[in-house]
Amino acid sequence: MTKDDQTAENCARLQSQLAQIDNVRKVSFYSPDFQSWYKQTGELIESIYGKNSHPCEAFQAVLFTPLFLSCRCGDTVFTEAYEQGMEEVRSLLASCLRKA
């Protein structure tokens, strides 16, 4: 496989994970669908860029649950954290595609 072929394949795989975000964000952080998508996305980024790369570390740093809770926090903090995490991953994958 040529370098151009590999780049095209990597872009297609990144695009596939990016395209799944709208469906994945409809399910719970705890659902098997999210867990599978998250694992596949992390493994893909690591295989393309390496474990210690900026994209891999940035992906691992994304939070999908609140960093802290207090008695004043309502249930919306979980939804907000999940949505924010999904948007961060969307931006990261889009950035990876632009640089490819």
PDB file of N, CA and C in Angstrom:
ATOM      1  N   MET A   1       0.843  -1.169   0.000  1.00  0.00           N
ATOM      2  CA  MET A   1       0.000   0.000   0.000  1.00  0.00           C
ATOM      3  C   MET A   1       0.895   1.242   0.000  1.00  0.00           C
ATOM      4  N   THR A   2       0.599   2.159  -0.884  1.00  0.00           N
ATOM      5  CA  THR A   2       1.394   3.383  -0.967  1.00  0.00           C
ATOM      6  C   THR A   2       1.025   4.326   0.180  1.00  0.00           C
ATOM      7  N   LYS A   3       1.869   5.318   0.368  1.00  0.00           N
ATOM      8  CA  LYS A   3       1.607   6.306   1.416  1.00  0.00           C
ATOM      9  C   LYS A   3       0.298   7.047   1.145  1.00  0.00           C
ATOM     10  N   ASP A   4       0.043   7.370  -0.134  1.00  0.00           N
ATOM     11  CA  ASP A   4      -1.207   8.046  -0.487  1.00  0.00           C
ATOM     12  C   ASP A   4      -2.418   7.164  -0.201  1.00  0.00           C
ATOM     13  N   ASP A   5      -2.280   5.863  -0.480  1.00  0.00           N
ATOM     14  CA  ASP A   5      -3.371   4.925  -0.190  1.00  0.00           C
ATOM     15  C   ASP A   5      -3.624   4.847   1.312  1.00  0.00           C
ATOM     16  N   GLN A   6      -2.547   4.798   2.084  1.00  0.00           N
ATOM     17  CA  GLN A   6      -2.673   4.728   3.543  1.00  0.00           C
ATOM     18  C   GLN A   6      -3.322   5.995   4.088  1.00  0.00           C
ATOM     19  N   THR A   7      -2.918   7.144   3.554  1.00  0.00           N
ATOM     20  CA  THR A   7      -3.506   8.415   3.984  1.00  0.00           C
ATOM     21  C   THR A   7      -4.993   8.445   3.665  1.00  0.00           C
ATOM     22  N   ALA A   8      -5.358   7.995   2.476  1.00  0.00           N
ATOM     23  CA  ALA A   8      -6.766   7.966   2.077  1.00  0.00           C
ATOM     24  C   ALA A   8      -7.569   7.027   2.976  1.00  0.00           C
ATOM     25  N   GLU A   9      -6.994   5.880   3.296  1.00  0.00           N
ATOM     26  CA  GLU A   9      -7.679   4.926   4.178  1.00  0.00           C
ATOM     27  C   GLU A   9      -7.846   5.504   5.579  1.00  0.00           C
ATOM     28  N   ASN A  10      -6.797   6.135   6.092  1.00  0.00           N
ATOM     29  CA  ASN A  10      -6.877   6.759   7.414  1.00  0.00           C
ATOM     30  C   ASN A  10      -7.943   7.849   7.440  1.00  0.00           C
ATOM     31  N   CYS A  11      -7.993   8.658   6.389  1.00  0.00           N
ATOM     32  CA  CYS A  11      -8.998   9.721   6.303  1.00  0.00           C
ATOM     33  C   CYS A  11     -10.404   9.133   6.283  1.00  0.00           C
ATOM     34  N   ALA A  12     -10.588   8.063   5.540  1.00  0.00           N
ATOM     35  CA  ALA A  12     -11.899   7.420   5.466  1.00  0.00           C
ATOM     36  C   ALA A  12     -12.312   6.872   6.830  1.00  0.00           C
ATOM     37  N   ARG A  13     -11.375   6.292   7.545  1.00  0.00           N
ATOM     38  CA  ARG A  13     -11.677   5.739   8.870  1.00  0.00           C
ATOM     39  C   ARG A  13     -11.972   6.858   9.876  1.00  0.00           C
ATOM     40  N   LEU A  14     -11.208   7.945   9.819  1.00  0.00           N
ATOM     41  CA  LEU A  14     -11.481   9.088  10.691  1.00  0.00           C
ATOM     42  C   LEU A  14     -12.845   9.697  10.368  1.00  0.00           C
ATOM     43  N   GLN A  15     -13.139   9.818   9.081  1.00  0.00           N
ATOM     44  CA  GLN A  15     -14.424  10.367   8.647  1.00  0.00           C
ATOM     45  C   GLN A  15     -15.578   9.498   9.130  1.00  0.00           C
ATOM     46  N   SER A  16     -15.385   8.187   9.111  1.00  0.00           N
ATOM     47  CA  SER A  16     -16.419   7.267   9.588  1.00  0.00           C
ATOM     48  C   SER A  16     -16.707   7.488  11.072  1.00  0.00           C
ATOM     49  N   GLN A  17     -15.661   7.625  11.869  1.00  0.00           N
ATOM     50  CA  GLN A  17     -15.847   7.864  13.303  1.00  0.00           C
ATOM     51  C   GLN A  17     -16.504   9.227  13.532  1.00  0.00           C
ATOM     52  N   LEU A  18     -16.116  10.212  12.756  1.00  0.00           N
ATOM     53  CA  LEU A  18     -16.703  11.544  12.856  1.00  0.00           C
ATOM     54  C   LEU A  18     -18.188  11.506  12.500  1.00  0.00           C
ATOM     55  N   ALA A  19     -18.540  10.769  11.464  1.00  0.00           N
ATOM     56  CA  ALA A  19     -19.932  10.678  11.018  1.00  0.00           C
ATOM     57  C   ALA A  19     -20.830   9.996  12.048  1.00  0.00           C
ATOM     58  N   GLN A  20     -20.259   9.194  12.907  1.00  0.00           N
ATOM     59  CA  GLN A  20     -21.045   8.479  13.914  1.00  0.00           C
ATOM     60  C   GLN A  20     -21.386   9.333  15.136  1.00  0.00           C
ATOM     61  N   ILE A  21     -20.761  10.483  15.263  1.00  0.00           N
ATOM     62  CA  ILE A  21     -20.946  11.299  16.466  1.00  0.00           C
ATOM     63  C   ILE A  21     -22.407  11.667  16.694  1.00  0.00           C
ATOM     64  N   ASP A  22     -23.123  12.066  15.659  1.00  0.00           N
ATOM     65  CA  ASP A  22     -24.516  12.473  15.852  1.00  0.00           C
ATOM     66  C   ASP A  22     -25.371  11.342  16.417  1.00  0.00           C
ATOM     67  N   ASN A  23     -25.107  10.113  16.008  1.00  0.00           N
ATOM     68  CA  ASN A  23     -25.856   8.979  16.561  1.00  0.00           C
ATOM     69  C   ASN A  23     -25.374   8.617  17.958  1.00  0.00           C
ATOM     70  N   VAL A  24     -24.077   8.669  18.167  1.00  0.00           N
ATOM     71  CA  VAL A  24     -23.517   8.296  19.470  1.00  0.00           C
ATOM     72  C   VAL A  24     -23.937   9.284  20.549  1.00  0.00           C
ATOM     73  N   ARG A  25     -24.070  10.537  20.206  1.00  0.00           N
ATOM     74  CA  ARG A  25     -24.432  11.522  21.231  1.00  0.00           C
ATOM     75  C   ARG A  25     -25.871  11.349  21.702  1.00  0.00           C
ATOM     76  N   LYS A  26     -26.665  10.540  21.003  1.00  0.00           N
ATOM     77  CA  LYS A  26     -28.048  10.270  21.409  1.00  0.00           C
ATOM     78  C   LYS A  26     -28.138   9.190  22.484  1.00  0.00           C
ATOM     79  N   VAL A  27     -27.049   8.472  22.701  1.00  0.00           N
ATOM     80  CA  VAL A  27     -27.058   7.392  23.692  1.00  0.00           C
ATOM     81  C   VAL A  27     -26.294   7.828  24.938  1.00  0.00           C
ATOM     82  N   SER A  28     -26.423   7.067  25.976  1.00  0.00           N
ATOM     83  CA  SER A  28     -25.769   7.369  27.245  1.00  0.00           C
ATOM     84  C   SER A  28     -24.267   7.102  27.182  1.00  0.00           C
ATOM     85  N   PHE A  29     -23.540   7.835  27.994  1.00  0.00           N
ATOM     86  CA  PHE A  29     -22.107   7.605  28.171  1.00  0.00           C
ATOM     87  C   PHE A  29     -21.847   6.166  28.600  1.00  0.00           C
ATOM     88  N   TYR A  30     -22.778   5.575  29.294  1.00  0.00           N
ATOM     89  CA  TYR A  30     -22.618   4.227  29.832  1.00  0.00           C
ATOM     90  C   TYR A  30     -23.083   3.132  28.875  1.00  0.00           C
ATOM     91  N   SER A  31     -23.619   3.505  27.731  1.00  0.00           N
ATOM     92  CA  SER A  31     -24.152   2.503  26.799  1.00  0.00           C
ATOM     93  C   SER A  31     -23.026   1.772  26.070  1.00  0.00           C
ATOM     94  N   PRO A  32     -23.273   0.531  25.680  1.00  0.00           N
ATOM     95  CA  PRO A  32     -22.283  -0.221  24.905  1.00  0.00           C
ATOM     96  C   PRO A  32     -21.952   0.456  23.570  1.00  0.00           C
ATOM     97  N   ASP A  33     -22.934   1.145  22.979  1.00  0.00           N
ATOM     98  CA  ASP A  33     -22.682   1.834  21.705  1.00  0.00           C
ATOM     99  C   ASP A  33     -21.630   2.928  21.872  1.00  0.00           C
ATOM    100  N   PHE A  34     -21.764   3.719  22.941  1.00  0.00           N
ATOM    101  CA  PHE A  34     -20.767   4.758  23.186  1.00  0.00           C
ATOM    102  C   PHE A  34     -19.416   4.129  23.486  1.00  0.00           C
ATOM    103  N   GLN A  35     -19.399   3.146  24.362  1.00  0.00           N
ATOM    104  CA  GLN A  35     -18.143   2.518  24.762  1.00  0.00           C
ATOM    105  C   GLN A  35     -17.414   1.925  23.558  1.00  0.00           C
ATOM    106  N   SER A  36     -18.159   1.295  22.659  1.00  0.00           N
ATOM    107  CA  SER A  36     -17.559   0.714  21.452  1.00  0.00           C
ATOM    108  C   SER A  36     -16.993   1.803  20.546  1.00  0.00           C
ATOM    109  N   TRP A  37     -17.782   2.863  20.324  1.00  0.00           N
ATOM    110  CA  TRP A  37     -17.328   3.971  19.473  1.00  0.00           C
ATOM    111  C   TRP A  37     -16.080   4.629  20.079  1.00  0.00           C
ATOM    112  N   TYR A  38     -16.101   4.849  21.383  1.00  0.00           N
ATOM    113  CA  TYR A  38     -14.975   5.486  22.058  1.00  0.00           C
ATOM    114  C   TYR A  38     -13.711   4.640  21.921  1.00  0.00           C
ATOM    115  N   LYS A  39     -13.840   3.342  22.140  1.00  0.00           N
ATOM    116  CA  LYS A  39     -12.692   2.435  22.042  1.00  0.00           C
ATOM    117  C   LYS A  39     -12.146   2.407  20.615  1.00  0.00           C
ATOM    118  N   GLN A  40     -13.027   2.284  19.634  1.00  0.00           N
ATOM    119  CA  GLN A  40     -12.598   2.253  18.233  1.00  0.00           C
ATOM    120  C   GLN A  40     -11.914   3.555  17.837  1.00  0.00           C
ATOM    121  N   THR A  41     -12.475   4.668  18.267  1.00  0.00           N
ATOM    122  CA  THR A  41     -11.900   5.970  17.923  1.00  0.00           C
ATOM    123  C   THR A  41     -10.523   6.136  18.551  1.00  0.00           C
ATOM    124  N   GLY A  42     -10.397   5.787  19.812  1.00  0.00           N
ATOM    125  CA  GLY A  42      -9.101   5.877  20.488  1.00  0.00           C
ATOM    126  C   GLY A  42      -8.048   4.996  19.847  1.00  0.00           C
ATOM    127  N   GLU A  43      -8.430   3.769  19.518  1.00  0.00           N
ATOM    128  CA  GLU A  43      -7.486   2.848  18.870  1.00  0.00           C
ATOM    129  C   GLU A  43      -7.087   3.348  17.486  1.00  0.00           C
ATOM    130  N   LEU A  44      -8.033   3.924  16.763  1.00  0.00           N
ATOM    131  CA  LEU A  44      -7.737   4.464  15.435  1.00  0.00           C
ATOM    132  C   LEU A  44      -6.747   5.622  15.531  1.00  0.00           C
ATOM    133  N   ILE A  45      -7.011   6.563  16.413  1.00  0.00           N
ATOM    134  CA  ILE A  45      -6.112   7.711  16.565  1.00  0.00           C
ATOM    135  C   ILE A  45      -4.722   7.246  16.981  1.00  0.00           C
ATOM    136  N   GLU A  46      -4.664   6.295  17.897  1.00  0.00           N
ATOM    137  CA  GLU A  46      -3.368   5.778  18.339  1.00  0.00           C
ATOM    138  C   GLU A  46      -2.637   5.071  17.205  1.00  0.00           C
ATOM    139  N   SER A  47      -3.352   4.311  16.388  1.00  0.00           N
ATOM    140  CA  SER A  47      -2.693   3.586  15.291  1.00  0.00           C
ATOM    141  C   SER A  47      -2.172   4.528  14.210  1.00  0.00           C
ATOM    142  N   ILE A  48      -2.844   5.648  14.018  1.00  0.00           N
ATOM    143  CA  ILE A  48      -2.423   6.610  12.989  1.00  0.00           C
ATOM    144  C   ILE A  48      -1.288   7.497  13.492  1.00  0.00           C
ATOM    145  N   TYR A  49      -1.439   8.024  14.703  1.00  0.00           N
ATOM    146  CA  TYR A  49      -0.519   9.057  15.184  1.00  0.00           C
ATOM    147  C   TYR A  49       0.480   8.589  16.243  1.00  0.00           C
ATOM    148  N   GLY A  50       0.217   7.462  16.878  1.00  0.00           N
ATOM    149  CA  GLY A  50       1.097   6.985  17.945  1.00  0.00           C
ATOM    150  C   GLY A  50       0.539   7.319  19.315  1.00  0.00           C
ATOM    151  N   LYS A  51       0.908   6.497  20.286  1.00  0.00           N
ATOM    152  CA  LYS A  51       0.356   6.609  21.637  1.00  0.00           C
ATOM    153  C   LYS A  51       0.685   7.931  22.321  1.00  0.00           C
ATOM    154  N   ASN A  52       1.862   8.475  22.086  1.00  0.00           N
ATOM    155  CA  ASN A  52       2.286   9.703  22.757  1.00  0.00           C
ATOM    156  C   ASN A  52       2.092  10.953  21.907  1.00  0.00           C
ATOM    157  N   SER A  53       1.326  10.839  20.846  1.00  0.00           N
ATOM    158  CA  SER A  53       1.098  11.978  19.953  1.00  0.00           C
ATOM    159  C   SER A  53       0.102  12.958  20.569  1.00  0.00           C
ATOM    160  N   HIS A  54       0.119  14.177  20.057  1.00  0.00           N
ATOM    161  CA  HIS A  54      -0.833  15.183  20.532  1.00  0.00           C
ATOM    162  C   HIS A  54      -2.278  14.751  20.292  1.00  0.00           C
ATOM    163  N   PRO A  55      -2.642  14.264  19.090  1.00  0.00           N
ATOM    164  CA  PRO A  55      -4.037  13.852  18.889  1.00  0.00           C
ATOM    165  C   PRO A  55      -4.482  12.752  19.857  1.00  0.00           C
ATOM    166  N   CYS A  56      -3.617  11.804  20.119  1.00  0.00           N
ATOM    167  CA  CYS A  56      -3.962  10.706  21.024  1.00  0.00           C
ATOM    168  C   CYS A  56      -4.133  11.222  22.455  1.00  0.00           C
ATOM    169  N   GLU A  57      -3.224  12.045  22.897  1.00  0.00           N
ATOM    170  CA  GLU A  57      -3.319  12.598  24.250  1.00  0.00           C
ATOM    171  C   GLU A  57      -4.518  13.532  24.381  1.00  0.00           C
ATOM    172  N   ALA A  58      -4.802  14.300  23.330  1.00  0.00           N
ATOM    173  CA  ALA A  58      -5.961  15.196  23.361  1.00  0.00           C
ATOM    174  C   ALA A  58      -7.258  14.390  23.448  1.00  0.00           C
ATOM    175  N   PHE A  59      -7.328  13.287  22.709  1.00  0.00           N
ATOM    176  CA  PHE A  59      -8.519  12.438  22.761  1.00  0.00           C
ATOM    177  C   PHE A  59      -8.694  11.847  24.157  1.00  0.00           C
ATOM    178  N   GLN A  60      -7.620  11.362  24.723  1.00  0.00           N
ATOM    179  CA  GLN A  60      -7.690  10.751  26.057  1.00  0.00           C
ATOM    180  C   GLN A  60      -8.047  11.770  27.139  1.00  0.00           C
ATOM    181  N   ALA A  61      -7.783  13.037  26.886  1.00  0.00           N
ATOM    182  CA  ALA A  61      -8.052  14.083  27.874  1.00  0.00           C
ATOM    183  C   ALA A  61      -9.497  14.580  27.849  1.00  0.00           C
ATOM    184  N   VAL A  62     -10.258  14.198  26.835  1.00  0.00           N
ATOM    185  CA  VAL A  62     -11.647  14.656  26.736  1.00  0.00           C
ATOM    186  C   VAL A  62     -12.476  14.018  27.848  1.00  0.00           C
ATOM    187  N   LEU A  63     -13.236  14.856  28.531  1.00  0.00           N
ATOM    188  CA  LEU A  63     -14.120  14.382  29.601  1.00  0.00           C
ATOM    189  C   LEU A  63     -15.554  14.324  29.082  1.00  0.00           C
ATOM    190  N   PHE A  64     -16.253  13.269  29.417  1.00  0.00           N
ATOM    191  CA  PHE A  64     -17.648  13.103  29.019  1.00  0.00           C
ATOM    192  C   PHE A  64     -18.581  13.134  30.226  1.00  0.00           C
ATOM    193  N   THR A  65     -18.008  13.264  31.398  1.00  0.00           N
ATOM    194  CA  THR A  65     -18.770  13.385  32.637  1.00  0.00           C
ATOM    195  C   THR A  65     -18.238  14.602  33.387  1.00  0.00           C
ATOM    196  N   PRO A  66     -19.018  15.135  34.316  1.00  0.00           N
ATOM    197  CA  PRO A  66     -18.563  16.318  35.056  1.00  0.00           C
ATOM    198  C   PRO A  66     -17.277  16.032  35.826  1.00  0.00           C
ATOM    199  N   LEU A  67     -16.439  17.030  35.899  1.00  0.00           N
ATOM    200  CA  LEU A  67     -15.180  16.901  36.628  1.00  0.00           C
ATOM    201  C   LEU A  67     -15.425  16.811  38.133  1.00  0.00           C
ATOM    202  N   PHE A  68     -16.419  17.534  38.607  1.00  0.00           N
ATOM    203  CA  PHE A  68     -16.771  17.484  40.028  1.00  0.00           C
ATOM    204  C   PHE A  68     -18.272  17.708  40.167  1.00  0.00           C
ATOM    205  N   LEU A  69     -18.797  17.308  41.292  1.00  0.00           N
ATOM    206  CA  LEU A  69     -20.219  17.488  41.589  1.00  0.00           C
ATOM    207  C   LEU A  69     -20.370  18.152  42.944  1.00  0.00           C
ATOM    208  N   SER A  70     -21.450  18.860  43.094  1.00  0.00           N
ATOM    209  CA  SER A  70     -21.806  19.394  44.403  1.00  0.00           C
ATOM    210  C   SER A  70     -23.308  19.195  44.584  1.00  0.00           C
ATOM    211  N   CYS A  71     -23.779  19.447  45.759  1.00  0.00           N
ATOM    212  CA  CYS A  71     -25.206  19.264  46.018  1.00  0.00           C
ATOM    213  C   CYS A  71     -26.052  20.260  45.231  1.00  0.00           C
ATOM    214  N   ARG A  72     -25.436  21.295  44.712  1.00  0.00           N
ATOM    215  CA  ARG A  72     -26.165  22.307  43.942  1.00  0.00           C
ATOM    216  C   ARG A  72     -26.247  21.982  42.454  1.00  0.00           C
ATOM    217  N   CYS A  73     -25.542  20.951  42.035  1.00  0.00           N
ATOM    218  CA  CYS A  73     -25.552  20.562  40.626  1.00  0.00           C
ATOM    219  C   CYS A  73     -26.817  19.775  40.331  1.00  0.00           C
ATOM    220  N   GLY A  74     -27.463  20.119  39.257  1.00  0.00           N
ATOM    221  CA  GLY A  74     -28.625  19.352  38.817  1.00  0.00           C
ATOM    222  C   GLY A  74     -28.192  18.254  37.859  1.00  0.00           C
ATOM    223  N   ASP A  75     -29.158  17.506  37.383  1.00  0.00           N
ATOM    224  CA  ASP A  75     -28.870  16.421  36.446  1.00  0.00           C
ATOM    225  C   ASP A  75     -28.349  16.924  35.103  1.00  0.00           C
ATOM    226  N   THR A  76     -28.584  18.182  34.799  1.00  0.00           N
ATOM    227  CA  THR A  76     -28.164  18.708  33.499  1.00  0.00           C
ATOM    228  C   THR A  76     -26.651  18.748  33.343  1.00  0.00           C
ATOM    229  N   VAL A  77     -25.912  18.741  34.448  1.00  0.00           N
ATOM    230  CA  VAL A  77     -24.452  18.799  34.332  1.00  0.00           C
ATOM    231  C   VAL A  77     -23.903  17.579  33.604  1.00  0.00           C
ATOM    232  N   PHE A  78     -24.570  16.431  33.739  1.00  0.00           N
ATOM    233  CA  PHE A  78     -24.124  15.228  33.045  1.00  0.00           C
ATOM    234  C   PHE A  78     -24.337  15.362  31.542  1.00  0.00           C
ATOM    235  N   THR A  79     -25.504  15.851  31.162  1.00  0.00           N
ATOM    236  CA  THR A  79     -25.807  16.050  29.744  1.00  0.00           C
ATOM    237  C   THR A  79     -24.876  17.084  29.136  1.00  0.00           C
ATOM    238  N   GLU A  80     -24.664  18.172  29.847  1.00  0.00           N
ATOM    239  CA  GLU A  80     -23.787  19.233  29.350  1.00  0.00           C
ATOM    240  C   GLU A  80     -22.354  18.736  29.176  1.00  0.00           C
ATOM    241  N   ALA A  81     -21.850  17.976  30.132  1.00  0.00           N
ATOM    242  CA  ALA A  81     -20.482  17.449  30.041  1.00  0.00           C
ATOM    243  C   ALA A  81     -20.355  16.478  28.875  1.00  0.00           C
ATOM    244  N   TYR A  82     -21.353  15.641  28.689  1.00  0.00           N
ATOM    245  CA  TYR A  82     -21.344  14.671  27.593  1.00  0.00           C
ATOM    246  C   TYR A  82     -21.357  15.390  26.245  1.00  0.00           C
ATOM    247  N   GLU A  83     -22.250  16.366  26.113  1.00  0.00           N
ATOM    248  CA  GLU A  83     -22.336  17.137  24.868  1.00  0.00           C
ATOM    249  C   GLU A  83     -21.029  17.877  24.583  1.00  0.00           C
ATOM    250  N   GLN A  84     -20.453  18.465  25.604  1.00  0.00           N
ATOM    251  CA  GLN A  84     -19.190  19.187  25.429  1.00  0.00           C
ATOM    252  C   GLN A  84     -18.083  18.228  25.009  1.00  0.00           C
ATOM    253  N   GLY A  85     -18.029  17.067  25.620  1.00  0.00           N
ATOM    254  CA  GLY A  85     -17.032  16.065  25.245  1.00  0.00           C
ATOM    255  C   GLY A  85     -17.181  15.634  23.801  1.00  0.00           C
ATOM    256  N   MET A  86     -18.421  15.407  23.379  1.00  0.00           N
ATOM    257  CA  MET A  86     -18.651  14.993  21.993  1.00  0.00           C
ATOM    258  C   MET A  86     -18.227  16.095  21.017  1.00  0.00           C
ATOM    259  N   GLU A  87     -18.479  17.343  21.365  1.00  0.00           N
ATOM    260  CA  GLU A  87     -18.063  18.451  20.496  1.00  0.00           C
ATOM    261  C   GLU A  87     -16.542  18.574  20.444  1.00  0.00           C
ATOM    262  N   GLU A  88     -15.878  18.322  21.560  1.00  0.00           N
ATOM    263  CA  GLU A  88     -14.414  18.357  21.567  1.00  0.00           C
ATOM    264  C   GLU A  88     -13.845  17.273  20.656  1.00  0.00           C
ATOM    265  N   VAL A  89     -14.445  16.085  20.699  1.00  0.00           N
ATOM    266  CA  VAL A  89     -13.976  15.004  19.828  1.00  0.00           C
ATOM    267  C   VAL A  89     -14.281  15.336  18.372  1.00  0.00           C
ATOM    268  N   ARG A  90     -15.447  15.920  18.111  1.00  0.00           N
ATOM    269  CA  ARG A  90     -15.778  16.325  16.736  1.00  0.00           C
ATOM    270  C   ARG A  90     -14.716  17.292  16.204  1.00  0.00           C
ATOM    271  N   SER A  91     -14.354  18.267  17.005  1.00  0.00           N
ATOM    272  CA  SER A  91     -13.333  19.243  16.596  1.00  0.00           C
ATOM    273  C   SER A  91     -11.976  18.581  16.389  1.00  0.00           C
ATOM    274  N   LEU A  92     -11.626  17.661  17.271  1.00  0.00           N
ATOM    275  CA  LEU A  92     -10.345  16.962  17.159  1.00  0.00           C
ATOM    276  C   LEU A  92     -10.288  16.137  15.877  1.00  0.00           C
ATOM    277  N   LEU A  93     -11.338  15.360  15.608  1.00  0.00           N
ATOM    278  CA  LEU A  93     -11.344  14.538  14.394  1.00  0.00           C
ATOM    279  C   LEU A  93     -11.342  15.407  13.138  1.00  0.00           C
ATOM    280  N   ALA A  94     -12.091  16.503  13.162  1.00  0.00           N
ATOM    281  CA  ALA A  94     -12.101  17.419  12.016  1.00  0.00           C
ATOM    282  C   ALA A  94     -10.709  18.012  11.796  1.00  0.00           C
ATOM    283  N   SER A  95     -10.026  18.350  12.875  1.00  0.00           N
ATOM    284  CA  SER A  95      -8.667  18.877  12.778  1.00  0.00           C
ATOM    285  C   SER A  95      -7.721  17.833  12.193  1.00  0.00           C
ATOM    286  N   CYS A  96      -7.863  16.592  12.641  1.00  0.00           N
ATOM    287  CA  CYS A  96      -7.025  15.509  12.105  1.00  0.00           C
ATOM    288  C   CYS A  96      -7.250  15.352  10.604  1.00  0.00           C
ATOM    289  N   LEU A  97      -8.490  15.464  10.173  1.00  0.00           N
ATOM    290  CA  LEU A  97      -8.795  15.329   8.742  1.00  0.00           C
ATOM    291  C   LEU A  97      -8.213  16.489   7.936  1.00  0.00           C
ATOM    292  N   ARG A  98      -8.260  17.695   8.491  1.00  0.00           N
ATOM    293  CA  ARG A  98      -7.702  18.854   7.776  1.00  0.00           C
ATOM    294  C   ARG A  98      -6.195  18.729   7.599  1.00  0.00           C
ATOM    295  N   LYS A  99      -5.528  18.112   8.561  1.00  0.00           N
ATOM    296  CA  LYS A  99      -4.070  17.986   8.511  1.00  0.00           C
ATOM    297  C   LYS A  99      -3.607  16.792   7.693  1.00  0.00           C
ATOM    298  N   ALA A 100      -4.539  15.909   7.342  1.00  0.00           N
ATOM    299  CA  ALA A 100      -4.163  14.680   6.615  1.00  0.00           C
ATOM    300  C   ALA A 100      -3.806  14.964   5.176  1.00  0.00           C
TER     301      ALA A 100
END
